[in-house]
Protein backbone atom coordinates (compact mmCIF):
# COMPACT_ATOMS: atom_id res chain seq x y z
CA MET A 1 -18.36 14.97 3.92
CA ALA A 2 -17.93 11.63 5.73
CA LYS A 3 -14.42 10.37 6.46
CA PHE A 4 -13.02 6.96 7.39
CA CYS A 5 -9.33 6.29 8.08
CA THR A 6 -7.56 2.99 8.66
CA THR A 7 -4.53 1.00 7.53
CA PRO A 8 -4.45 -1.08 4.34
CA ARG A 9 -4.16 -4.28 6.35
CA ALA A 10 -7.16 -3.41 8.52
CA ALA A 11 -9.16 -2.66 5.37
CA GLY A 12 -8.52 -6.16 4.06
CA ALA A 13 -5.41 -5.80 1.89
CA PRO A 14 -3.07 -8.81 2.07
CA ARG A 15 0.18 -8.38 3.95
CA TRP A 16 2.35 -8.25 0.83
CA ALA A 17 0.27 -5.35 -0.54
CA ALA A 18 0.29 -3.55 2.82
CA ALA A 19 4.08 -3.92 2.90
CA LYS A 20 4.37 -2.32 -0.54
CA VAL A 21 2.16 0.55 0.60
CA GLY A 22 4.58 0.93 3.51
CA THR A 23 7.46 1.22 1.03
CA VAL A 24 5.56 3.94 -0.84
CA VAL A 25 5.01 5.82 2.43
CA GLU A 26 8.72 5.59 3.29
CA TRP A 27 9.53 7.09 -0.11
CA VAL A 28 7.09 9.98 0.36
CA VAL A 29 8.16 10.67 3.94
CA ARG A 30 11.82 10.64 2.90
CA LEU A 31 11.14 13.30 0.27
CA ASP A 32 9.26 15.41 2.81
CA TYR A 33 11.97 14.93 5.42
CA CYS A 34 14.69 16.07 3.06
CA PHE A 35 12.65 19.06 1.92
CA SER A 36 12.01 20.08 5.54
CA LYS A 37 15.70 20.09 6.42
CA GLY A 38 16.82 21.89 3.28
CA GLY A 39 18.17 18.82 1.49
CA CYS A 40 19.72 15.46 2.27
CA ASN A 41 23.00 13.74 1.56
CA PRO A 42 21.86 10.10 1.23
CA TYR A 43 24.31 7.47 2.37
CA GLN A 44 25.48 4.75 0.00
CA ARG A 45 28.00 2.09 0.97
CA GLY A 46 31.49 3.37 0.43
CA GLY A 47 30.27 6.96 0.32
CA THR A 48 30.17 9.86 2.73
CA GLY A 49 26.45 10.54 2.98
CA THR A 50 25.02 11.71 6.29
CA ASP A 51 21.39 10.61 5.84
CA PHE A 52 20.48 6.93 6.13
CA PHE A 53 17.32 5.60 4.42
CA ASP A 54 16.83 1.87 4.71
CA GLU A 55 14.81 1.47 1.49
CA THR A 56 17.84 2.54 -0.57
CA SER A 57 19.96 -0.37 0.63
CA ASP A 58 21.85 -2.51 -1.89
CA THR A 59 22.56 -5.15 0.73
CA THR A 60 20.77 -6.55 3.78
CA ARG A 61 19.38 -3.92 6.10
CA CYS A 62 21.61 -4.98 8.98
CA ARG A 63 24.77 -4.75 6.85
CA PHE A 64 23.66 -1.41 5.45
CA LEU A 65 23.10 -0.03 8.95
CA ALA A 66 26.46 -1.39 10.13
CA SER A 67 28.21 0.19 7.15
CA PHE A 68 26.58 3.56 7.84
CA LEU A 69 27.44 3.56 11.55
CA ALA A 70 31.00 2.37 10.92
CA THR A 71 31.57 5.07 8.29
CA ARG A 72 29.99 7.94 10.18
CA GLN A 73 31.37 6.96 13.60
CA GLN A 74 34.83 5.97 12.26
CA LEU A 75 34.60 2.48 13.67
CA ASP A 76 36.93 -0.35 12.68
CA PRO A 77 35.89 -3.40 10.60
CA ALA A 78 35.49 -5.53 13.72
CA ASP A 79 32.94 -3.05 15.08
CA GLU A 80 31.07 -3.08 11.78
CA GLY A 81 30.87 -6.86 11.94
CA PHE A 82 29.70 -6.69 15.54
CA ILE A 83 26.92 -4.24 14.69
CA SER A 84 25.74 -6.30 11.73
CA GLY A 85 25.82 -9.49 13.79
CA SER A 86 23.99 -7.88 16.72
CA CYS A 87 21.34 -6.58 14.36
CA GLU A 88 20.86 -10.01 12.79
CA GLN A 89 20.59 -11.63 16.22
CA ARG A 90 17.78 -9.24 17.10
CA LYS A 91 15.58 -10.34 14.23
CA LYS A 92 12.02 -10.63 15.42
CA PRO A 93 9.81 -13.62 14.66
CA VAL A 94 7.16 -13.04 12.04
CA ASP A 95 4.28 -11.13 13.62
CA PRO A 96 0.99 -11.69 11.75
CA SER A 97 -0.41 -8.48 13.25
CA ASP A 98 2.40 -6.29 11.89
CA ASP A 99 1.30 -4.75 8.58
CA GLU A 100 4.81 -4.73 7.17
CA ASN A 101 5.96 -8.00 8.73
CA GLU A 102 9.09 -6.14 9.83
CA ARG A 103 11.93 -8.33 11.09
CA PHE A 104 14.78 -5.84 11.54
CA ALA A 105 15.56 -3.28 14.23
CA VAL A 106 16.81 -0.84 11.60
CA PRO A 107 15.30 2.68 11.64
CA ASP A 108 13.83 4.01 8.42
CA ILE A 109 15.67 7.33 8.71
CA ILE A 110 18.87 8.32 10.54
CA THR A 111 20.70 11.63 10.20
CA HIS A 112 24.29 12.05 11.38
CA GLU A 113 25.04 15.77 11.66
CA PRO A 114 26.88 16.34 14.97
CA GLY A 115 25.79 19.50 16.71
CA VAL A 116 22.87 19.93 14.34
CA ARG A 117 20.85 16.74 14.01
CA MET A 118 21.66 13.32 15.47
CA GLU A 119 18.28 11.64 15.33
CA PHE A 120 16.31 8.78 13.83
CA TYR A 121 12.72 7.96 12.84
CA GLU A 122 10.65 4.84 12.36
CA ILE A 123 7.62 4.82 10.02
CA LYS A 124 4.71 2.52 10.86
CA PRO A 125 0.98 2.11 10.09
CA ASN A 126 -1.28 3.86 12.58
CA SER A 127 -2.74 0.79 14.21
CA ILE A 128 -2.36 -0.69 17.68
CA GLU A 129 -0.02 -3.32 16.26
CA GLY A 130 1.89 -0.81 14.16
CA ARG A 131 2.46 1.56 17.07
CA GLU A 132 3.61 -1.29 19.31
CA ALA A 133 5.98 -2.53 16.61
CA ALA A 134 7.39 1.01 16.31
CA ARG A 135 7.89 1.30 20.08
CA ALA A 136 9.70 -2.05 20.21
CA LYS A 137 11.87 -1.21 17.22
CA VAL A 138 12.87 2.20 18.61
CA GLU A 139 13.80 0.67 21.97
CA THR A 140 15.85 -2.07 20.30
CA PHE A 141 17.84 0.41 18.24
CA LEU A 142 18.39 2.64 21.29
CA SER A 143 19.74 -0.32 23.24
CA LEU A 144 22.35 -0.85 20.51
CA VAL A 145 23.20 2.87 20.49
CA ASP A 146 23.53 2.95 24.29
CA PHE A 147 25.80 -0.09 24.29
CA LEU A 148 28.06 1.37 21.61
CA ALA A 149 28.22 4.71 23.43
CA VAL A 150 29.41 2.97 26.60
CA THR A 151 31.92 0.62 24.96
CA ARG A 152 33.24 2.98 22.26
CA PRO A 153 34.12 6.31 23.96
CA ASN A 154 34.03 8.34 20.73
CA PHE A 155 30.65 7.02 19.64
CA GLN A 156 28.12 9.85 19.21
CA LYS A 157 24.62 8.88 20.30
CA TYR A 158 21.47 9.20 18.22
CA GLU A 159 18.25 10.37 19.78
CA LYS A 160 14.62 9.73 18.94
CA GLY A 161 13.68 12.29 16.31
CA THR A 162 11.81 15.48 17.20
CA GLN A 163 12.88 18.03 14.58
CA PHE A 164 10.66 16.59 11.86
CA SER A 165 6.97 16.90 12.73
CA PRO A 166 4.91 16.38 9.57
CA ASP A 167 1.13 16.26 9.38
CA ARG A 168 0.40 15.89 5.70
CA THR A 169 -2.42 14.56 3.55
CA ILE A 170 -1.88 13.58 -0.10
CA THR A 171 -4.82 12.63 -2.30
CA PHE A 172 -3.91 9.90 -4.79
CA TYR A 173 -7.27 8.50 -5.96
CA GLN A 174 -10.49 10.30 -6.82
CA ARG A 175 -13.57 9.14 -8.72
CA ASN A 176 -17.29 8.43 -8.60
CA TYR A 177 -17.10 4.97 -7.12
CA LEU A 178 -19.54 2.62 -8.88
CA GLY A 179 -20.84 5.72 -10.59
CA ILE A 180 -22.77 6.89 -7.53
CA VAL A 181 -20.31 7.62 -4.71
CA PRO A 182 -18.03 10.64 -5.23
CA CYS A 183 -14.95 9.70 -3.22
CA ARG A 184 -11.43 10.78 -2.48
CA VAL A 185 -8.69 8.57 -1.03
CA SER A 186 -5.64 10.09 0.62
CA LEU A 187 -2.46 9.11 2.40
CA HIS A 188 -2.16 10.83 5.77
CA TYR A 189 1.02 10.71 7.85
CA ARG A 190 2.11 12.58 10.96
CA ARG A 191 4.48 12.52 13.88
CA ALA A 192 3.04 10.21 16.50
CA THR A 193 1.34 11.92 19.42
CA GLU A 194 0.81 8.90 21.67
CA PRO A 195 3.00 9.35 24.79
CA GLU A 196 4.83 6.05 24.44
CA ILE A 197 5.95 6.80 20.86
CA ALA A 198 5.69 10.58 20.62
CA GLU A 199 9.36 10.88 19.64
CA GLY A 200 11.02 9.21 16.70
CA VAL A 201 7.89 7.68 15.14
CA ILE A 202 5.89 8.65 12.05
CA VAL A 203 2.51 6.95 11.68
CA TYR A 204 0.35 6.73 8.57
CA GLU A 205 -3.12 5.72 7.48
CA ILE A 206 -5.27 5.79 4.37
CA CYS A 207 -8.40 7.96 4.51
CA VAL A 208 -11.57 7.70 2.44
CA GLU A 209 -13.85 10.72 2.11
CA VAL A 210 -17.26 10.72 0.42
CA ASP A 211 -20.18 13.06 0.04
CA GLY A 212 -22.95 11.84 2.33
CA GLU A 213 -23.01 8.79 4.57
CA LEU A 214 -20.22 6.24 4.53
CA LEU A 215 -20.62 2.67 5.75
CA GLU A 216 -17.43 1.08 7.04
CA ALA A 217 -17.68 -1.91 4.69
CA LEU A 218 -18.02 0.36 1.65
CA ALA A 219 -15.19 2.58 2.88
CA LYS A 220 -12.91 -0.45 3.11
CA ALA A 221 -13.86 -1.55 -0.41
CA ILE A 222 -13.04 1.92 -1.74
CA LEU A 223 -9.73 1.97 0.15
CA VAL A 224 -8.75 -1.45 -1.21
CA SER A 225 -9.70 -0.37 -4.74
CA ALA A 226 -7.36 2.62 -4.35
CA VAL A 227 -4.50 0.37 -3.19
CA ILE A 228 -5.04 -1.92 -6.18
CA ALA A 229 -5.04 1.08 -8.50
CA ALA A 230 -1.88 2.57 -6.97
CA LEU A 231 0.08 -0.68 -7.13
CA ALA A 232 -0.96 -1.25 -10.74
CA ALA A 233 0.12 2.29 -11.63
CA LEU A 234 3.52 1.79 -9.99
CA ALA A 235 4.05 -1.57 -11.69
CA ALA A 236 3.27 0.03 -15.03
CA ILE A 237 6.08 2.58 -14.65
CA ALA A 238 8.65 0.22 -13.13
CA VAL A 239 11.73 -0.30 -15.25
CA THR A 240 12.42 -3.59 -13.50
CA VAL A 241 10.83 -6.44 -15.41
CA ILE A 242 8.15 -7.98 -13.21
CA PHE A 243 6.66 -11.40 -13.92
CA GLY A 244 7.54 -11.10 -17.60
CA GLY A 245 5.47 -8.05 -18.43
CA GLY A 246 5.86 -5.34 -15.83
CA VAL A 247 2.12 -4.66 -15.75
CA LEU A 248 -0.57 -5.47 -13.22
CA GLY A 249 -3.98 -5.02 -14.78
CA PRO A 250 -7.25 -6.55 -15.96
CA ALA A 251 -5.73 -7.80 -19.22
CA VAL A 252 -3.57 -10.31 -17.37
CA LEU A 253 -5.99 -11.29 -14.59
CA VAL A 254 -7.48 -14.76 -14.33
CA LEU A 255 -10.47 -14.48 -12.02
CA ASN A 256 -13.19 -16.70 -10.63
CA SER A 257 -16.68 -15.27 -10.44
CA PRO A 258 -17.82 -13.99 -7.02
CA MET A 259 -21.44 -14.50 -8.09
CA GLY A 260 -23.59 -17.32 -6.79
CA GLY A 261 -25.85 -17.70 -9.81
CA SER A 262 -27.09 -16.28 -13.07
CA VAL A 263 -28.66 -12.85 -13.54
CA GLY A 264 -31.17 -12.14 -16.29
CA PRO A 265 -34.78 -12.55 -17.45
CA ASP A 266 -34.57 -16.29 -16.75
CA GLY A 267 -31.80 -16.12 -14.15
CA VAL A 268 -31.59 -17.18 -10.53
CA ASN A 269 -31.38 -13.47 -9.67
CA ASP A 270 -30.13 -13.65 -6.12
CA PRO A 271 -30.60 -10.06 -4.89
CA GLN A 272 -26.95 -9.72 -3.91
CA ASP A 273 -25.80 -10.91 -7.34
CA VAL A 274 -28.22 -8.51 -9.01
CA ARG A 275 -26.96 -5.60 -6.93
CA TYR A 276 -23.38 -6.50 -7.85
CA VAL A 277 -24.23 -6.54 -11.56
CA GLN A 278 -26.20 -3.30 -11.28
CA ALA A 279 -23.27 -1.65 -9.53
CA LEU A 280 -20.77 -2.74 -12.21
CA VAL A 281 -23.13 -1.61 -14.96
CA ASN A 282 -23.46 1.77 -13.28
CA ASP A 283 -19.68 2.06 -13.04
CA TRP A 284 -19.50 1.58 -16.81
CA ARG A 285 -22.40 3.95 -17.53
CA ALA A 286 -20.87 6.69 -15.39
CA SER A 287 -17.56 6.36 -17.26
CA THR A 288 -19.42 6.97 -20.54
CA ASP A 289 -21.62 9.75 -19.12
CA GLY A 290 -24.66 7.52 -19.29
CA SER A 291 -27.63 7.64 -16.95
CA LEU A 292 -27.54 5.40 -13.90
CA ILE A 293 -29.90 2.59 -13.01
CA SER A 294 -31.29 1.62 -9.62
CA ILE A 295 -29.16 -0.60 -7.39
CA ASP A 296 -31.99 -2.37 -5.62
CA GLY A 297 -31.31 -6.07 -6.09
CA ALA A 298 -34.43 -6.56 -8.24
CA PHE A 299 -33.88 -7.62 -11.83
CA SER A 300 -36.04 -5.46 -14.07
CA GLU A 301 -36.41 -4.32 -17.66
CA GLU A 302 -34.20 -1.37 -16.76
CA THR A 303 -31.41 -3.71 -15.64
CA ALA A 304 -31.84 -5.95 -18.67
CA GLY A 305 -31.72 -2.96 -21.01
CA ALA A 306 -28.58 -1.61 -19.33
CA LEU A 307 -26.91 -5.01 -19.62
CA THR A 308 -27.84 -5.22 -23.31
CA ASP A 309 -26.37 -1.76 -23.88
CA PHE A 310 -23.13 -2.84 -22.22
CA GLN A 311 -22.94 -6.09 -24.18
CA SER A 312 -23.45 -4.23 -27.45
CA ALA A 313 -20.88 -1.56 -26.60
CA ALA A 314 -18.35 -4.22 -25.60
CA GLY A 315 -18.86 -6.09 -28.87
CA LEU A 316 -20.05 -9.27 -27.17
CA GLU A 317 -21.98 -11.93 -29.08
CA ASP A 318 -24.59 -12.31 -26.35
CA THR A 319 -26.78 -9.20 -26.13
CA ALA A 320 -29.78 -10.76 -24.36
CA GLY A 321 -29.35 -8.71 -21.18
CA SER A 322 -28.33 -11.66 -19.04
CA LEU A 323 -25.15 -13.25 -17.72
CA THR A 324 -23.95 -16.35 -15.94
CA PRO A 325 -21.04 -16.58 -13.48
CA GLY A 326 -17.73 -16.41 -15.28
CA ASP A 327 -19.11 -15.77 -18.77
CA ALA A 328 -17.81 -13.15 -21.18
CA THR A 329 -20.27 -10.49 -19.97
CA GLU A 330 -19.33 -10.76 -16.32
CA THR A 331 -15.62 -10.92 -17.17
CA GLU A 332 -15.90 -7.79 -19.32
CA LEU A 333 -17.92 -5.97 -16.63
CA ALA A 334 -15.30 -6.76 -13.99
CA SER A 335 -12.43 -5.76 -16.30
CA THR A 336 -14.17 -2.50 -17.16
CA HIS A 337 -14.63 -1.72 -13.47
CA LEU A 338 -10.98 -2.51 -12.74
CA ASN A 339 -9.80 -0.38 -15.65
CA ASN A 340 -11.93 2.51 -14.38
CA LEU A 341 -10.58 2.36 -10.86
CA MET A 342 -6.99 2.02 -12.08
CA ALA A 343 -7.43 5.09 -14.25
CA ALA A 344 -8.42 7.04 -11.12
CA ALA A 345 -4.98 6.73 -9.51
CA ASP A 346 -2.93 9.94 -9.56
CA LEU A 347 0.48 9.47 -7.94
CA SER A 348 1.99 12.73 -9.15
CA GLU A 349 2.35 14.17 -5.64
CA PHE A 350 4.40 11.10 -4.67
CA GLN A 351 7.08 12.15 -7.21
CA PRO A 352 6.93 8.59 -8.54
CA ASP A 353 9.93 8.61 -10.91
CA GLY A 354 11.88 5.55 -9.75
CA LEU A 355 9.33 4.57 -7.12
CA GLY A 356 8.04 1.60 -9.10
CA ASP A 357 11.47 0.00 -9.06
CA VAL A 358 11.83 0.59 -5.33
CA VAL A 359 8.44 -1.01 -4.63
CA PHE A 360 8.80 -3.96 -7.02
CA GLY A 361 12.56 -4.40 -7.08
CA PRO A 362 14.27 -7.39 -5.43
CA ASP A 363 14.54 -7.33 -1.64
CA PRO A 364 18.19 -7.71 -0.57
CA ASP A 365 16.96 -9.45 2.57
CA GLY A 366 15.37 -12.16 0.46
CA VAL A 367 11.89 -13.62 0.20
CA ASP A 368 10.03 -14.19 3.43
CA THR A 369 8.93 -17.79 3.16
CA GLU A 370 6.65 -17.48 6.17
CA LEU A 371 4.21 -15.09 4.51
CA GLU A 372 0.84 -16.68 3.92
CA GLU A 373 0.43 -15.19 0.43
CA GLU A 374 1.88 -16.49 -2.81
CA GLN A 375 5.22 -14.90 -3.58
CA ASP A 376 4.68 -14.74 -7.35
CA LEU A 377 3.42 -11.19 -7.79
CA GLN A 378 0.97 -11.89 -10.59
CA THR A 379 -0.60 -14.74 -8.64
CA ALA A 380 -0.73 -12.63 -5.50
CA PHE A 381 -2.25 -9.70 -7.39
CA ASN A 382 -4.86 -11.97 -8.94
CA ALA A 383 -5.83 -13.25 -5.49
CA PHE A 384 -5.97 -9.69 -4.14
CA VAL A 385 -8.32 -8.53 -6.90
CA GLN A 386 -10.36 -11.71 -6.56
CA GLN A 387 -10.95 -11.02 -2.87
CA TYR A 388 -11.78 -7.38 -3.60
CA LEU A 389 -14.48 -8.38 -6.10
CA GLN A 390 -15.88 -10.95 -3.68
CA ASP A 391 -16.05 -8.35 -0.91
CA LEU A 392 -17.63 -5.85 -3.30
CA ARG A 393 -20.30 -8.35 -4.26
CA ASN A 394 -21.04 -8.96 -0.58
CA VAL A 395 -21.30 -5.32 0.54
CA VAL A 396 -22.65 -3.38 -2.42
């Protein structure tokens, strides 16, 4: 069994998608954290909760943090305003290398239980940039805590978390990729072990496992396909209405062909295009328990026959065993592949009830206008899938 682990961003996912994966991880880690400590009492503004989770905020993160600290530490309104203002002043500039494009020095988890647990945790992707962002964020929050402890005598300090030390792997995607590569994709998160962030930081990565050899380029394509599938599954169960329909999927995609030319008896038959078509045909045949064809880049009677079978099964008018870039056959092949990979997502271990709305709900901190991707989700998702298909065509 070969294994490859990396972050969504490093695998080629756009920043907006990597950020949504980060939100999913925060959700899962929060559930695990609460289970490990025998239950949580989540804080909501105006309430008495002792556990702070920043993804549950109904206001800006800085105001939510200030409200929590003021309530738990019995600070006056002026102190709450000071904390919120100090937090806002410490916004970081957009860092293109940070998977989540995090701007706020607000920990993901804080627990206020004097004498039992006064600690906090930050959750970041397990990359050089992610670990550095976590270190900087932890130090920034500690500087605020230290200042308040000096200037407010009754302020009780929070420490970098050590009581929660997870090391968990959750499989959320499993299939025969392209019909020929049995694979499993899992979320893995753990307490950081690197000396500079060994306390107070949880790091995560996505791992791809296959039977046999695993090339890095193929592993990244599989990982990205799993991210696409997971986001589509979450959008489908979100109560919040997203871009009019609430669904991300092949039926609403508008794609450009990644192929360079035609494939068929009289086609251009660039070997890379032929391999791409053979791979998509195999993905369909495997889903119908059909026999697989060779993926060798050489157009043959076998490939033509397999294409004709697909065209007939799909009810297409053209059943000549050929296709041109962007025609009905290629579009149906790509949609079938996307439907197959989306069907492979299994988020049950994430306890996803309500997660779709957390991932796709409005951000109280507003839209980040400095992101390079389109902010309209359907447009962004289209571009994400488009790039995935292009990369698949290039590496298959």
